[in-house]
Amino acid sequence: MTALIIEDEVSAQDLLKCLIKENFPQLEVVRCIDNIKDSVDSLANNEVDLIFMDIQLTDGSSFNIFSQVNVSSYVIFTTAYDNYAIEAFEHNAIGYLLKPIREEKFVNAVNNFLSLKEKTSFSANLSSMLQQMNVQPKEKEIKRRFVLKFNDKIKIIDTNDTAYFVSENRVCYLVTFSGDKFLIDDSLDKVMSEIDASKFYRINRSYIINSSSIQKIEKYFNSRLIITLKPKPNDDIVTISRENVADFLHWIEVNN
């Protein structure tokens, strides 16, 4: 049996491969992919039995994959977000694992896949599937401020005062509206999983922006967008990929 991993963090890819090797050696990981375009191309030309799929990729939501290619494989979603369960189970999902992934939950999800593979047909309504996979909706705890070490002092930065988070040379920084820049220990993935998604949006691999930091949005070549931020970042041009444009504009419309 074959498996495909769609995940944009190398550490998360390595964890999944390790869990598969230790618990299900009969499952062969044929490829790891970190973006929507390559995922669509791969699924259009190759069939796999099982897909491990992160929901938020750097170039957009992985749900966009299903609108571009017919996915017949079973899918186990692996995500830092707990508010996509219903939509996930409308896209071939047989598992919904919240990060950090617990080995016990991982084993249960894959065992469910193996059980389904042995059956000639698969039919289950959404409510019974959610119960079987033990997906319990819960209210997300939103981080309201960051406690940071600043020289020999402790600095407390409110998220309302944060213009954007930026990753530079694999180091993550918090930038305030006043232009102050602070080193933080967390990755952008972890930051995005903890802050208010109605106020912050990850526009690409390097930036998570506060909606209030957007000064101007302009069209760019290849159907992309240029975002002018305040304060001005080090990058001359901050862009949103073509695949992420629709989702971003929808986010702008429905959030304050």
Protein backbone atom coordinates (compact mmCIF):
# COMPACT_ATOMS: atom_id res chain seq x y z
CA MET A 1 0.00 0.00 0.00
CA THR A 2 1.17 3.51 -0.82
CA ALA A 3 0.90 6.85 0.95
CA LEU A 4 1.46 10.46 -0.05
CA ILE A 5 2.35 13.22 2.44
CA ILE A 6 1.20 16.76 1.62
CA GLU A 7 2.81 18.97 4.25
CA ASP A 8 4.90 22.14 3.98
CA GLU A 9 6.98 21.69 7.14
CA VAL A 10 9.95 19.35 6.84
CA SER A 11 9.82 18.51 10.56
CA ALA A 12 6.16 17.46 10.22
CA GLN A 13 7.01 15.36 7.15
CA ASP A 14 9.78 13.62 9.09
CA LEU A 15 7.47 12.93 12.05
CA LEU A 16 4.84 11.33 9.82
CA LYS A 17 7.42 9.20 8.05
CA CYS A 18 8.81 8.07 11.40
CA LEU A 19 5.36 7.18 12.77
CA ILE A 20 4.56 5.23 9.60
CA LYS A 21 7.87 3.34 9.66
CA GLU A 22 7.52 2.40 13.33
CA ASN A 23 3.85 1.41 13.27
CA PHE A 24 2.92 0.52 9.68
CA PRO A 25 5.95 -0.74 7.71
CA GLN A 26 3.60 -2.13 5.07
CA LEU A 27 2.71 1.45 4.12
CA GLU A 28 5.16 2.92 1.59
CA VAL A 29 5.55 6.72 1.48
CA VAL A 30 6.03 7.43 -2.22
CA ARG A 31 6.47 11.19 -1.99
CA CYS A 32 6.34 14.28 0.22
CA ILE A 33 4.87 17.45 -1.34
CA ASP A 34 4.73 20.94 0.17
CA ASN A 35 2.39 22.88 -2.13
CA ILE A 36 -0.95 22.76 -3.96
CA LYS A 37 0.32 22.82 -7.54
CA ASP A 38 2.64 19.83 -7.19
CA SER A 39 -0.05 17.97 -5.24
CA VAL A 40 -2.53 18.43 -8.08
CA ASP A 41 0.03 17.32 -10.66
CA SER A 42 0.98 14.26 -8.64
CA LEU A 43 -2.60 13.17 -7.95
CA ALA A 44 -3.57 13.66 -11.58
CA ASN A 45 -0.91 11.17 -12.69
CA ASN A 46 -0.52 8.77 -9.79
CA GLU A 47 -2.87 6.86 -7.53
CA VAL A 48 -2.11 6.26 -3.87
CA ASP A 49 -4.07 4.46 -1.20
CA LEU A 50 -3.77 7.06 1.56
CA ILE A 51 -2.92 10.76 1.79
CA PHE A 52 -1.72 12.59 4.89
CA MET A 53 -2.70 16.20 4.21
CA ASP A 54 -2.07 19.43 6.08
CA ILE A 55 -4.86 21.96 5.62
CA GLN A 56 -2.97 25.26 5.56
CA LEU A 57 -0.16 25.14 3.03
CA THR A 58 2.00 28.13 2.20
CA ASP A 59 0.24 28.65 -1.14
CA GLY A 60 -3.31 28.26 0.17
CA SER A 61 -5.80 25.83 1.64
CA SER A 62 -5.32 22.20 0.64
CA PHE A 63 -9.09 22.00 0.11
CA ASN A 64 -8.35 23.76 -3.20
CA ILE A 65 -6.73 20.52 -4.37
CA PHE A 66 -10.10 18.78 -4.49
CA SER A 67 -11.54 21.38 -6.86
CA GLN A 68 -8.69 20.86 -9.34
CA VAL A 69 -8.29 17.08 -9.44
CA ASN A 70 -10.37 14.03 -8.65
CA VAL A 71 -9.08 12.54 -5.39
CA SER A 72 -10.11 8.92 -4.91
CA SER A 73 -7.67 8.17 -2.09
CA TYR A 74 -8.59 8.14 1.57
CA VAL A 75 -7.34 11.23 3.41
CA ILE A 76 -6.11 11.77 6.95
CA PHE A 77 -5.88 15.49 7.66
CA THR A 78 -3.05 16.64 9.92
CA THR A 79 -3.48 20.22 11.04
CA ALA A 80 -2.92 22.75 13.79
CA TYR A 81 -6.49 24.00 13.37
CA ASP A 82 -9.58 22.45 14.95
CA ASN A 83 -12.27 24.31 13.00
CA TYR A 84 -12.11 22.48 9.66
CA ALA A 85 -13.39 19.06 10.76
CA ILE A 86 -16.77 19.24 9.03
CA GLU A 87 -15.29 20.41 5.73
CA ALA A 88 -12.53 17.81 6.01
CA PHE A 89 -15.01 14.96 6.24
CA GLU A 90 -16.64 16.21 3.06
CA HIS A 91 -13.33 15.54 1.25
CA ASN A 92 -12.66 11.80 1.63
CA ALA A 93 -11.44 12.22 5.21
CA ILE A 94 -11.20 9.22 7.49
CA GLY A 95 -9.09 11.01 10.09
CA TYR A 96 -8.53 14.47 11.52
CA LEU A 97 -5.38 14.72 13.63
CA LEU A 98 -4.59 17.89 15.52
CA LYS A 99 -0.97 18.97 15.85
CA PRO A 100 1.07 18.14 17.80
CA ILE A 101 0.14 14.65 16.61
CA ARG A 102 -0.24 12.03 19.30
CA GLU A 103 0.98 8.59 18.30
CA GLU A 104 -2.11 6.89 19.74
CA LYS A 105 -4.45 9.03 17.62
CA PHE A 106 -2.25 8.49 14.57
CA VAL A 107 -2.33 4.70 14.98
CA ASN A 108 -6.11 4.72 15.43
CA ALA A 109 -6.60 6.77 12.26
CA VAL A 110 -4.39 4.53 10.12
CA ASN A 111 -5.97 1.39 11.56
CA ASN A 112 -9.32 2.82 10.52
CA PHE A 113 -7.95 3.24 6.99
CA LEU A 114 -6.70 -0.37 6.96
CA SER A 115 -10.08 -1.59 8.14
CA LEU A 116 -11.85 0.35 5.39
CA LYS A 117 -9.46 -1.01 2.75
CA GLU A 118 -10.51 -4.52 3.67
CA LYS A 119 -14.16 -3.76 3.01
CA THR A 120 -15.70 -3.80 -0.45
CA SER A 121 -17.60 -0.60 0.11
CA PHE A 122 -17.41 2.42 2.36
CA SER A 123 -20.57 4.10 3.56
CA ALA A 124 -20.93 6.10 6.72
CA ASN A 125 -22.79 9.27 7.48
CA LEU A 126 -20.95 12.32 8.72
CA SER A 127 -22.11 12.19 12.33
CA SER A 128 -21.11 8.56 12.86
CA MET A 129 -17.73 9.16 11.22
CA LEU A 130 -17.01 12.11 13.48
CA GLN A 131 -17.92 10.00 16.49
CA GLN A 132 -15.75 7.11 15.33
CA MET A 133 -12.72 9.35 14.84
CA ASN A 134 -13.37 11.09 18.15
CA VAL A 135 -13.34 14.57 16.63
CA GLN A 136 -14.64 16.80 19.38
CA PRO A 137 -15.17 20.43 18.42
CA LYS A 138 -13.64 22.69 20.99
CA GLU A 139 -13.25 26.39 21.40
CA LYS A 140 -9.84 27.58 20.35
CA GLU A 141 -7.76 29.41 22.94
CA ILE A 142 -6.50 32.54 21.22
CA LYS A 143 -3.19 34.08 22.23
CA ARG A 144 -3.74 37.76 23.04
CA ARG A 145 -0.15 38.78 23.74
CA PHE A 146 3.42 37.55 23.40
CA VAL A 147 5.87 37.47 26.29
CA LEU A 148 9.32 38.04 24.81
CA LYS A 149 12.87 38.26 26.12
CA PHE A 150 14.39 41.60 25.17
CA ASN A 151 18.02 41.89 26.24
CA ASP A 152 17.85 41.40 30.02
CA LYS A 153 14.17 42.35 30.23
CA ILE A 154 10.82 40.73 29.54
CA LYS A 155 8.71 42.49 26.92
CA ILE A 156 4.94 41.96 26.61
CA ILE A 157 3.53 42.69 23.15
CA ASP A 158 -0.23 42.73 22.60
CA THR A 159 -1.35 41.11 19.35
CA ASN A 160 -3.39 44.25 18.61
CA ASP A 161 -0.06 46.12 18.49
CA THR A 162 1.47 43.56 16.13
CA ALA A 163 1.58 44.53 12.46
CA TYR A 164 2.98 41.26 11.15
CA PHE A 165 5.19 38.25 11.80
CA VAL A 166 8.01 37.59 9.38
CA SER A 167 10.41 34.68 8.88
CA GLU A 168 13.90 35.66 7.73
CA ASN A 169 16.62 33.06 7.27
CA ARG A 170 14.57 30.55 9.29
CA VAL A 171 14.25 33.00 12.18
CA CYS A 172 10.86 34.41 13.13
CA TYR A 173 10.26 38.02 14.16
CA LEU A 174 7.32 40.00 15.51
CA VAL A 175 7.04 43.53 14.09
CA THR A 176 4.89 46.15 15.82
CA PHE A 177 3.02 49.04 14.22
CA SER A 178 5.60 51.38 15.72
CA GLY A 179 8.33 49.56 13.77
CA ASP A 180 9.91 47.64 16.66
CA LYS A 181 11.16 44.18 15.72
CA PHE A 182 11.47 41.33 18.22
CA LEU A 183 12.86 37.83 17.83
CA ILE A 184 10.42 35.07 18.81
CA ASP A 185 11.11 31.38 19.36
CA ASP A 186 8.04 30.00 17.59
CA SER A 187 7.66 29.06 13.92
CA LEU A 188 5.10 30.82 11.75
CA ASP A 189 3.00 27.64 11.74
CA LYS A 190 2.84 27.64 15.53
CA VAL A 191 2.13 31.37 15.68
CA MET A 192 -0.73 31.03 13.17
CA SER A 193 -2.26 28.18 15.17
CA GLU A 194 -2.40 30.35 18.30
CA ILE A 195 -3.51 33.80 17.16
CA ASP A 196 -6.88 35.13 15.98
CA ALA A 197 -7.40 33.98 12.39
CA SER A 198 -10.03 36.68 11.86
CA LYS A 199 -7.35 39.36 12.37
CA PHE A 200 -4.25 37.65 11.02
CA TYR A 201 -3.63 35.90 7.69
CA ARG A 202 -0.62 33.98 6.41
CA ILE A 203 -0.14 35.45 2.96
CA ASN A 204 2.92 33.39 2.00
CA ARG A 205 5.75 31.29 3.41
CA SER A 206 7.36 34.30 5.12
CA TYR A 207 4.56 36.56 6.37
CA ILE A 208 1.58 36.50 8.72
CA ILE A 209 -0.09 39.91 8.55
CA ASN A 210 -2.56 41.84 10.68
CA SER A 211 -5.44 43.13 8.55
CA SER A 212 -4.78 46.58 10.01
CA SER A 213 -1.25 46.53 8.58
CA ILE A 214 -2.52 46.45 4.99
CA GLN A 215 -1.98 49.83 3.37
CA LYS A 216 -2.61 48.92 -0.26
CA ILE A 217 -3.45 45.88 -2.42
CA GLU A 218 -2.45 45.86 -6.08
CA LYS A 219 -2.66 43.37 -8.93
CA TYR A 220 0.63 41.75 -9.94
CA PHE A 221 1.69 39.59 -12.88
CA ASN A 222 0.71 35.91 -13.03
CA SER A 223 -2.58 36.69 -11.21
CA ARG A 224 -0.81 37.46 -7.94
CA LEU A 225 -1.29 40.40 -5.58
CA ILE A 226 1.18 42.86 -4.09
CA ILE A 227 0.51 43.89 -0.49
CA THR A 228 1.89 47.18 0.82
CA LEU A 229 2.34 46.90 4.58
CA LYS A 230 2.84 49.42 7.34
CA PRO A 231 5.43 49.64 8.69
CA LYS A 232 7.35 48.88 5.50
CA PRO A 233 9.14 45.50 5.68
CA ASN A 234 12.66 44.78 4.49
CA ASP A 235 11.32 43.02 1.39
CA ASP A 236 10.74 45.39 -1.50
CA ILE A 237 7.73 43.37 -2.67
CA VAL A 238 5.40 41.25 -0.53
CA THR A 239 3.15 39.07 -2.70
CA ILE A 240 0.30 36.61 -2.41
CA SER A 241 0.41 33.58 -4.69
CA ARG A 242 -2.25 33.07 -7.35
CA GLU A 243 -3.63 30.00 -5.55
CA ASN A 244 -4.14 31.98 -2.35
CA VAL A 245 -5.72 35.12 -3.81
CA ALA A 246 -9.38 34.01 -3.67
CA ASP A 247 -9.08 32.76 -0.10
CA PHE A 248 -7.32 35.96 0.99
CA LEU A 249 -9.91 38.25 -0.60
CA HIS A 250 -12.68 36.22 1.02
CA TRP A 251 -10.91 36.62 4.37
CA ILE A 252 -10.77 40.39 3.81
CA GLU A 253 -14.52 40.49 3.07
CA VAL A 254 -15.78 38.46 6.05
CA ASN A 255 -13.44 39.70 8.79
CA ASN A 256 -13.01 43.05 10.46
